[in-house]
Amino acid sequence: MRLQITTDYAIRVMLFMVQQGGKVSTAEATAKALGISCSYFNKVAWKIKMAGFLESIQGPSGGYRISKNAADITLYDIVTAMEGDIRINRCLDENGFCSRNATRTCPVRKTLGMLQNQMIDILKSVKICDLCDEKQSDPIRETAISAV
């Protein structure tokens, strides 16, 4: 599974908006700060806005600002707003489709289900404000280092 580049940008947009401390930032200024085109920023911002995480301010000093408390927004919220529900295999969809008709007994499905649940749990545990904290440790990097 690979997240779309728009999801990566959505996370970066949200980080940028949190760092603005509630101040309004124009589309042009935000796009420039993030190194993306203004039209691409607007595409990403529209989806984030529709999910309720950004608000747009109209007028000459308008732009975008975060609309929720950063402590209430998780990576899971952003990823699902951009990608939809997380399903790493078709057999884990709500309809439980299985070409082998083994949905209830398949060991692969059970393993993929555990993997999917762990990924969702991790995404839900990371708040966008946590990513803005420069002193935050990197649990994934620490786990990788301790495994060596």
N, C-alpha and C. Protein backbone atom coordinates (compact mmCIF):
# COMPACT_ATOMS: atom_id res chain seq x y z
N MET A 1 0.84 -1.18 0.00
CA MET A 1 0.00 0.00 0.00
C MET A 1 0.89 1.24 0.00
N ARG A 2 0.54 2.16 -0.83
CA ARG A 2 1.27 3.42 -0.90
C ARG A 2 0.27 4.56 -0.84
N LEU A 3 0.54 5.50 0.06
CA LEU A 3 -0.33 6.67 0.14
C LEU A 3 -0.09 7.56 -1.07
N GLN A 4 -1.13 8.23 -1.51
CA GLN A 4 -1.02 9.16 -2.63
C GLN A 4 -0.19 10.37 -2.21
N ILE A 5 0.43 11.01 -3.17
CA ILE A 5 1.22 12.21 -2.89
C ILE A 5 0.33 13.32 -2.33
N THR A 6 -0.95 13.33 -2.73
CA THR A 6 -1.85 14.35 -2.19
C THR A 6 -2.06 14.16 -0.68
N THR A 7 -2.00 12.93 -0.22
CA THR A 7 -2.11 12.67 1.21
C THR A 7 -0.88 13.17 1.94
N ASP A 8 0.29 12.95 1.37
CA ASP A 8 1.52 13.48 1.94
C ASP A 8 1.45 15.00 2.04
N TYR A 9 1.01 15.64 0.97
CA TYR A 9 0.87 17.10 0.98
C TYR A 9 -0.19 17.55 1.98
N ALA A 10 -1.26 16.81 2.12
CA ALA A 10 -2.30 17.18 3.07
C ALA A 10 -1.75 17.20 4.49
N ILE A 11 -0.94 16.22 4.82
CA ILE A 11 -0.31 16.18 6.14
C ILE A 11 0.62 17.38 6.30
N ARG A 12 1.40 17.69 5.28
CA ARG A 12 2.31 18.83 5.34
C ARG A 12 1.56 20.16 5.42
N VAL A 13 0.45 20.26 4.70
CA VAL A 13 -0.38 21.47 4.79
C VAL A 13 -0.89 21.64 6.21
N MET A 14 -1.37 20.56 6.80
CA MET A 14 -1.88 20.65 8.17
C MET A 14 -0.78 21.02 9.16
N LEU A 15 0.40 20.46 8.99
CA LEU A 15 1.52 20.83 9.86
C LEU A 15 1.81 22.32 9.73
N PHE A 16 1.85 22.81 8.50
CA PHE A 16 2.12 24.22 8.24
C PHE A 16 1.05 25.09 8.90
N MET A 17 -0.20 24.70 8.76
CA MET A 17 -1.29 25.50 9.33
C MET A 17 -1.23 25.51 10.85
N VAL A 18 -0.89 24.39 11.46
CA VAL A 18 -0.73 24.35 12.91
C VAL A 18 0.38 25.29 13.34
N GLN A 19 1.48 25.29 12.60
CA GLN A 19 2.61 26.15 12.94
C GLN A 19 2.28 27.63 12.77
N GLN A 20 1.23 27.95 12.01
CA GLN A 20 0.81 29.34 11.85
C GLN A 20 0.05 29.85 13.07
N GLY A 21 -0.30 28.95 13.97
CA GLY A 21 -0.95 29.35 15.21
C GLY A 21 -2.31 30.01 15.03
N GLY A 22 -3.06 29.58 14.04
CA GLY A 22 -4.39 30.14 13.82
C GLY A 22 -4.43 31.35 12.90
N LYS A 23 -3.25 31.83 12.49
CA LYS A 23 -3.22 32.95 11.56
C LYS A 23 -3.62 32.47 10.16
N VAL A 24 -4.19 33.39 9.40
CA VAL A 24 -4.59 33.08 8.03
C VAL A 24 -3.35 33.12 7.14
N SER A 25 -3.25 32.13 6.26
CA SER A 25 -2.16 32.07 5.30
C SER A 25 -2.76 31.96 3.90
N THR A 26 -2.26 32.75 2.99
CA THR A 26 -2.79 32.71 1.63
C THR A 26 -2.38 31.41 0.96
N ALA A 27 -3.13 31.06 -0.07
CA ALA A 27 -2.79 29.86 -0.84
C ALA A 27 -1.41 30.01 -1.44
N GLU A 28 -1.11 31.18 -1.96
CA GLU A 28 0.20 31.41 -2.59
C GLU A 28 1.34 31.25 -1.59
N ALA A 29 1.18 31.85 -0.40
CA ALA A 29 2.24 31.77 0.62
C ALA A 29 2.42 30.34 1.11
N THR A 30 1.33 29.65 1.30
CA THR A 30 1.41 28.27 1.79
C THR A 30 2.05 27.36 0.74
N ALA A 31 1.60 27.51 -0.51
CA ALA A 31 2.16 26.70 -1.59
C ALA A 31 3.66 26.95 -1.72
N LYS A 32 4.05 28.21 -1.65
CA LYS A 32 5.47 28.54 -1.77
C LYS A 32 6.27 27.94 -0.62
N ALA A 33 5.75 28.05 0.59
CA ALA A 33 6.44 27.51 1.77
C ALA A 33 6.60 25.99 1.68
N LEU A 34 5.63 25.33 1.04
CA LEU A 34 5.67 23.88 0.94
C LEU A 34 6.31 23.38 -0.35
N GLY A 35 6.63 24.30 -1.25
CA GLY A 35 7.29 23.93 -2.49
C GLY A 35 6.39 23.20 -3.47
N ILE A 36 5.12 23.57 -3.50
CA ILE A 36 4.19 22.97 -4.46
C ILE A 36 3.49 24.09 -5.23
N SER A 37 2.88 23.75 -6.35
CA SER A 37 2.19 24.77 -7.13
C SER A 37 0.93 25.20 -6.39
N CYS A 38 0.52 26.41 -6.65
CA CYS A 38 -0.67 26.95 -6.01
C CYS A 38 -1.92 26.16 -6.42
N SER A 39 -1.99 25.74 -7.66
CA SER A 39 -3.16 24.98 -8.10
C SER A 39 -3.21 23.62 -7.40
N TYR A 40 -2.07 22.99 -7.19
CA TYR A 40 -2.05 21.71 -6.50
C TYR A 40 -2.41 21.91 -5.03
N PHE A 41 -1.88 22.99 -4.43
CA PHE A 41 -2.24 23.30 -3.05
C PHE A 41 -3.75 23.45 -2.92
N ASN A 42 -4.37 24.20 -3.85
CA ASN A 42 -5.81 24.42 -3.77
C ASN A 42 -6.60 23.11 -3.87
N LYS A 43 -6.11 22.17 -4.68
CA LYS A 43 -6.75 20.86 -4.80
C LYS A 43 -6.70 20.13 -3.45
N VAL A 44 -5.53 20.14 -2.83
CA VAL A 44 -5.35 19.48 -1.54
C VAL A 44 -6.16 20.20 -0.46
N ALA A 45 -6.08 21.52 -0.44
CA ALA A 45 -6.76 22.31 0.59
C ALA A 45 -8.27 22.12 0.51
N TRP A 46 -8.80 21.99 -0.71
CA TRP A 46 -10.24 21.80 -0.86
C TRP A 46 -10.69 20.52 -0.16
N LYS A 47 -9.93 19.44 -0.35
CA LYS A 47 -10.30 18.16 0.29
C LYS A 47 -10.19 18.26 1.80
N ILE A 48 -9.14 18.94 2.28
CA ILE A 48 -8.97 19.09 3.73
C ILE A 48 -10.10 19.95 4.30
N LYS A 49 -10.45 20.97 3.56
CA LYS A 49 -11.55 21.86 3.98
C LYS A 49 -12.86 21.08 4.04
N MET A 50 -13.12 20.25 3.04
CA MET A 50 -14.36 19.46 3.02
C MET A 50 -14.41 18.49 4.21
N ALA A 51 -13.26 18.06 4.68
CA ALA A 51 -13.19 17.17 5.84
C ALA A 51 -13.36 17.94 7.15
N GLY A 52 -13.33 19.27 7.07
CA GLY A 52 -13.56 20.10 8.26
C GLY A 52 -12.32 20.50 9.03
N PHE A 53 -11.13 20.30 8.45
CA PHE A 53 -9.89 20.63 9.16
C PHE A 53 -9.36 22.01 8.85
N LEU A 54 -9.76 22.57 7.72
CA LEU A 54 -9.35 23.92 7.33
C LEU A 54 -10.60 24.75 7.09
N GLU A 55 -10.45 26.05 7.28
CA GLU A 55 -11.50 26.95 6.86
C GLU A 55 -10.89 27.98 5.93
N SER A 56 -11.68 28.40 4.97
CA SER A 56 -11.20 29.42 4.05
C SER A 56 -11.81 30.75 4.46
N ILE A 57 -10.98 31.77 4.41
CA ILE A 57 -11.39 33.13 4.75
C ILE A 57 -11.40 33.93 3.45
N GLN A 58 -12.53 34.53 3.14
CA GLN A 58 -12.67 35.30 1.91
C GLN A 58 -12.21 36.74 2.12
N GLY A 59 -11.91 37.41 1.03
CA GLY A 59 -11.58 38.82 1.07
C GLY A 59 -10.12 39.10 0.81
N PRO A 60 -9.76 40.38 0.82
CA PRO A 60 -8.40 40.79 0.47
C PRO A 60 -7.32 40.22 1.40
N SER A 61 -7.66 40.00 2.65
CA SER A 61 -6.66 39.42 3.56
C SER A 61 -7.06 37.98 3.89
N GLY A 62 -7.68 37.32 2.92
CA GLY A 62 -8.16 35.97 3.12
C GLY A 62 -7.10 34.91 2.86
N GLY A 63 -7.51 33.72 3.06
CA GLY A 63 -6.64 32.56 2.87
C GLY A 63 -7.22 31.38 3.62
N TYR A 64 -6.35 30.60 4.22
CA TYR A 64 -6.77 29.42 4.97
C TYR A 64 -6.19 29.45 6.37
N ARG A 65 -6.91 28.80 7.27
CA ARG A 65 -6.39 28.56 8.62
C ARG A 65 -7.00 27.27 9.14
N ILE A 66 -6.35 26.72 10.13
CA ILE A 66 -6.84 25.49 10.73
C ILE A 66 -8.17 25.78 11.41
N SER A 67 -9.11 24.85 11.31
CA SER A 67 -10.44 25.09 11.87
C SER A 67 -10.73 24.28 13.12
N LYS A 68 -9.82 23.37 13.47
CA LYS A 68 -10.00 22.55 14.67
C LYS A 68 -8.73 22.64 15.51
N ASN A 69 -8.86 22.22 16.73
CA ASN A 69 -7.71 22.12 17.61
C ASN A 69 -6.80 21.00 17.08
N ALA A 70 -5.52 21.30 16.93
CA ALA A 70 -4.57 20.31 16.39
C ALA A 70 -4.48 19.07 17.26
N ALA A 71 -4.82 19.19 18.54
CA ALA A 71 -4.80 18.03 19.43
C ALA A 71 -5.95 17.07 19.14
N ASP A 72 -6.92 17.53 18.34
CA ASP A 72 -8.07 16.69 18.01
C ASP A 72 -7.96 16.05 16.63
N ILE A 73 -6.88 16.32 15.90
CA ILE A 73 -6.73 15.81 14.54
C ILE A 73 -5.60 14.78 14.53
N THR A 74 -5.90 13.59 14.06
CA THR A 74 -4.89 12.54 13.99
C THR A 74 -4.46 12.32 12.54
N LEU A 75 -3.36 11.62 12.38
CA LEU A 75 -2.94 11.22 11.04
C LEU A 75 -4.02 10.36 10.38
N TYR A 76 -4.67 9.55 11.15
CA TYR A 76 -5.76 8.72 10.62
C TYR A 76 -6.84 9.60 10.00
N ASP A 77 -7.20 10.68 10.68
CA ASP A 77 -8.23 11.60 10.17
C ASP A 77 -7.84 12.15 8.80
N ILE A 78 -6.59 12.55 8.68
CA ILE A 78 -6.13 13.15 7.42
C ILE A 78 -6.03 12.10 6.33
N VAL A 79 -5.45 10.95 6.66
CA VAL A 79 -5.28 9.89 5.67
C VAL A 79 -6.65 9.44 5.15
N THR A 80 -7.61 9.22 6.03
CA THR A 80 -8.92 8.76 5.56
C THR A 80 -9.68 9.86 4.82
N ALA A 81 -9.44 11.11 5.18
CA ALA A 81 -10.07 12.21 4.43
C ALA A 81 -9.56 12.24 3.00
N MET A 82 -8.31 11.90 2.80
CA MET A 82 -7.71 11.95 1.48
C MET A 82 -7.85 10.63 0.71
N GLU A 83 -7.75 9.52 1.41
CA GLU A 83 -7.68 8.21 0.75
C GLU A 83 -8.98 7.40 0.86
N GLY A 84 -9.81 7.73 1.83
CA GLY A 84 -10.96 6.89 2.13
C GLY A 84 -10.57 5.85 3.16
N ASP A 85 -11.46 4.91 3.42
CA ASP A 85 -11.17 3.87 4.41
C ASP A 85 -9.90 3.11 4.07
N ILE A 86 -9.19 2.71 5.10
CA ILE A 86 -7.96 1.95 4.92
C ILE A 86 -8.30 0.48 4.82
N ARG A 87 -8.02 -0.08 3.68
CA ARG A 87 -8.20 -1.51 3.45
C ARG A 87 -6.98 -1.98 2.66
N ILE A 88 -6.18 -2.85 3.28
CA ILE A 88 -4.96 -3.27 2.59
C ILE A 88 -5.18 -4.46 1.68
N ASN A 89 -6.37 -5.06 1.74
CA ASN A 89 -6.70 -6.16 0.84
C ASN A 89 -8.21 -6.18 0.66
N ARG A 90 -8.63 -6.60 -0.50
CA ARG A 90 -10.06 -6.62 -0.82
C ARG A 90 -10.85 -7.50 0.15
N CYS A 91 -10.23 -8.55 0.64
CA CYS A 91 -10.93 -9.46 1.55
C CYS A 91 -11.26 -8.79 2.89
N LEU A 92 -10.65 -7.64 3.16
CA LEU A 92 -10.92 -6.93 4.40
C LEU A 92 -11.99 -5.86 4.23
N ASP A 93 -12.53 -5.72 3.01
CA ASP A 93 -13.65 -4.81 2.80
C ASP A 93 -14.85 -5.30 3.60
N GLU A 94 -15.81 -4.42 3.79
CA GLU A 94 -16.98 -4.78 4.58
C GLU A 94 -17.72 -5.98 4.03
N ASN A 95 -17.72 -6.13 2.70
CA ASN A 95 -18.44 -7.28 2.12
C ASN A 95 -17.65 -8.58 2.26
N GLY A 96 -16.38 -8.51 2.71
CA GLY A 96 -15.58 -9.70 2.96
C GLY A 96 -15.34 -10.55 1.73
N PHE A 97 -15.25 -9.94 0.56
CA PHE A 97 -15.06 -10.70 -0.68
C PHE A 97 -13.83 -11.60 -0.59
N CYS A 98 -14.01 -12.83 -0.98
CA CYS A 98 -12.89 -13.78 -1.05
C CYS A 98 -13.09 -14.66 -2.28
N SER A 99 -12.11 -14.65 -3.15
CA SER A 99 -12.21 -15.48 -4.37
C SER A 99 -12.18 -16.97 -4.04
N ARG A 100 -11.73 -17.30 -2.84
CA ARG A 100 -11.66 -18.71 -2.42
C ARG A 100 -12.79 -19.10 -1.47
N ASN A 101 -13.68 -18.16 -1.18
CA ASN A 101 -14.78 -18.40 -0.23
C ASN A 101 -14.27 -18.91 1.11
N ALA A 102 -13.18 -18.30 1.58
CA ALA A 102 -12.56 -18.73 2.84
C ALA A 102 -12.44 -17.57 3.82
N THR A 103 -13.34 -16.63 3.75
CA THR A 103 -13.25 -15.43 4.57
C THR A 103 -13.08 -15.74 6.05
N ARG A 104 -13.80 -16.70 6.55
CA ARG A 104 -13.78 -16.99 7.99
C ARG A 104 -12.59 -17.85 8.41
N THR A 105 -11.95 -18.55 7.51
CA THR A 105 -10.91 -19.50 7.89
C THR A 105 -9.52 -19.17 7.35
N CYS A 106 -9.41 -18.16 6.55
CA CYS A 106 -8.15 -17.87 5.87
C CYS A 106 -7.10 -17.28 6.81
N PRO A 107 -5.95 -17.94 6.97
CA PRO A 107 -4.89 -17.41 7.84
C PRO A 107 -4.26 -16.14 7.27
N VAL A 108 -4.26 -16.01 5.95
CA VAL A 108 -3.70 -14.80 5.34
C VAL A 108 -4.59 -13.61 5.69
N ARG A 109 -5.89 -13.79 5.59
CA ARG A 109 -6.83 -12.72 5.93
C ARG A 109 -6.67 -12.29 7.38
N LYS A 110 -6.51 -13.27 8.27
CA LYS A 110 -6.33 -12.94 9.69
C LYS A 110 -5.07 -12.11 9.89
N THR A 111 -3.99 -12.49 9.25
CA THR A 111 -2.73 -11.76 9.38
C THR A 111 -2.84 -10.36 8.79
N LEU A 112 -3.42 -10.26 7.60
CA LEU A 112 -3.60 -8.95 6.99
C LEU A 112 -4.52 -8.07 7.82
N GLY A 113 -5.53 -8.68 8.43
CA GLY A 113 -6.44 -7.93 9.30
C GLY A 113 -5.71 -7.36 10.51
N MET A 114 -4.82 -8.17 11.10
CA MET A 114 -4.03 -7.68 12.24
C MET A 114 -3.12 -6.54 11.81
N LEU A 115 -2.48 -6.70 10.66
CA LEU A 115 -1.60 -5.66 10.13
C LEU A 115 -2.39 -4.37 9.89
N GLN A 116 -3.54 -4.49 9.26
CA GLN A 116 -4.37 -3.32 8.99
C GLN A 116 -4.80 -2.63 10.29
N ASN A 117 -5.21 -3.41 11.27
CA ASN A 117 -5.64 -2.84 12.55
C ASN A 117 -4.49 -2.14 13.27
N GLN A 118 -3.29 -2.72 13.21
CA GLN A 118 -2.14 -2.07 13.83
C GLN A 118 -1.81 -0.76 13.14
N MET A 119 -1.88 -0.75 11.81
CA MET A 119 -1.61 0.47 11.08
C MET A 119 -2.63 1.56 11.45
N ILE A 120 -3.89 1.19 11.51
CA ILE A 120 -4.93 2.15 11.89
C ILE A 120 -4.70 2.65 13.30
N ASP A 121 -4.37 1.76 14.22
CA ASP A 121 -4.12 2.16 15.61
C ASP A 121 -2.97 3.16 15.70
N ILE A 122 -1.90 2.91 14.95
CA ILE A 122 -0.75 3.83 14.97
C ILE A 122 -1.16 5.18 14.39
N LEU A 123 -1.85 5.19 13.27
CA LEU A 123 -2.29 6.46 12.67
C LEU A 123 -3.21 7.22 13.61
N LYS A 124 -4.06 6.52 14.33
CA LYS A 124 -4.96 7.17 15.29
C LYS A 124 -4.22 7.70 16.51
N SER A 125 -3.09 7.11 16.82
CA SER A 125 -2.35 7.52 18.02
C SER A 125 -1.49 8.76 17.79
N VAL A 126 -1.26 9.14 16.54
CA VAL A 126 -0.40 10.28 16.25
C VAL A 126 -1.27 11.50 15.93
N LYS A 127 -1.22 12.45 16.81
CA LYS A 127 -1.94 13.71 16.61
C LYS A 127 -1.08 14.64 15.78
N ILE A 128 -1.71 15.48 14.98
CA ILE A 128 -0.98 16.39 14.11
C ILE A 128 -0.11 17.33 14.93
N CYS A 129 -0.57 17.70 16.13
CA CYS A 129 0.23 18.58 16.98
C CYS A 129 1.49 17.87 17.48
N ASP A 130 1.44 16.53 17.60
CA ASP A 130 2.63 15.77 18.01
C ASP A 130 3.74 15.92 16.98
N LEU A 131 3.36 15.97 15.72
CA LEU A 131 4.35 16.08 14.65
C LEU A 131 5.00 17.45 14.61
N CYS A 132 4.33 18.43 15.22
CA CYS A 132 4.88 19.79 15.24
C CYS A 132 5.86 19.99 16.39
N ASP A 133 5.83 19.07 17.34
CA ASP A 133 6.71 19.18 18.49
C ASP A 133 8.11 18.74 18.09
N GLU A 134 9.02 19.68 18.03
CA GLU A 134 10.39 19.39 17.58
C GLU A 134 11.11 18.41 18.49
N LYS A 135 10.69 18.35 19.74
CA LYS A 135 11.38 17.48 20.70
C LYS A 135 10.80 16.07 20.72
N GLN A 136 9.75 15.84 19.94
CA GLN A 136 9.12 14.52 19.93
C GLN A 136 10.09 13.48 19.41
N SER A 137 10.12 12.35 20.08
CA SER A 137 10.95 11.25 19.60
C SER A 137 10.25 10.58 18.43
N ASP A 138 11.00 9.85 17.67
CA ASP A 138 10.48 9.14 16.50
C ASP A 138 10.37 7.67 16.86
N PRO A 139 9.16 7.19 17.25
CA PRO A 139 9.03 5.80 17.69
C PRO A 139 9.35 4.79 16.61
N ILE A 140 9.09 5.12 15.36
CA ILE A 140 9.38 4.18 14.29
C ILE A 140 10.90 4.05 14.13
N ARG A 141 11.60 5.20 14.13
CA ARG A 141 13.05 5.16 14.00
C ARG A 141 13.67 4.47 15.21
N GLU A 142 13.16 4.75 16.43
CA GLU A 142 13.69 4.12 17.64
C GLU A 142 13.49 2.61 17.59
N THR A 143 12.34 2.17 17.10
CA THR A 143 12.07 0.73 16.98
C THR A 143 13.04 0.11 15.98
N ALA A 144 13.27 0.79 14.86
CA ALA A 144 14.18 0.27 13.84
C ALA A 144 15.60 0.18 14.38
N ILE A 145 16.02 1.20 15.14
CA ILE A 145 17.38 1.22 15.69
C ILE A 145 17.54 0.12 16.73
N SER A 146 16.52 -0.06 17.61
CA SER A 146 16.65 -1.07 18.64
C SER A 146 16.61 -2.48 18.07
N ALA A 147 16.05 -2.64 16.88
CA ALA A 147 16.00 -3.97 16.25
C ALA A 147 17.34 -4.37 15.65
N VAL A 148 18.24 -3.40 15.47
CA VAL A 148 19.53 -3.69 14.85
C VAL A 148 20.50 -4.26 15.83
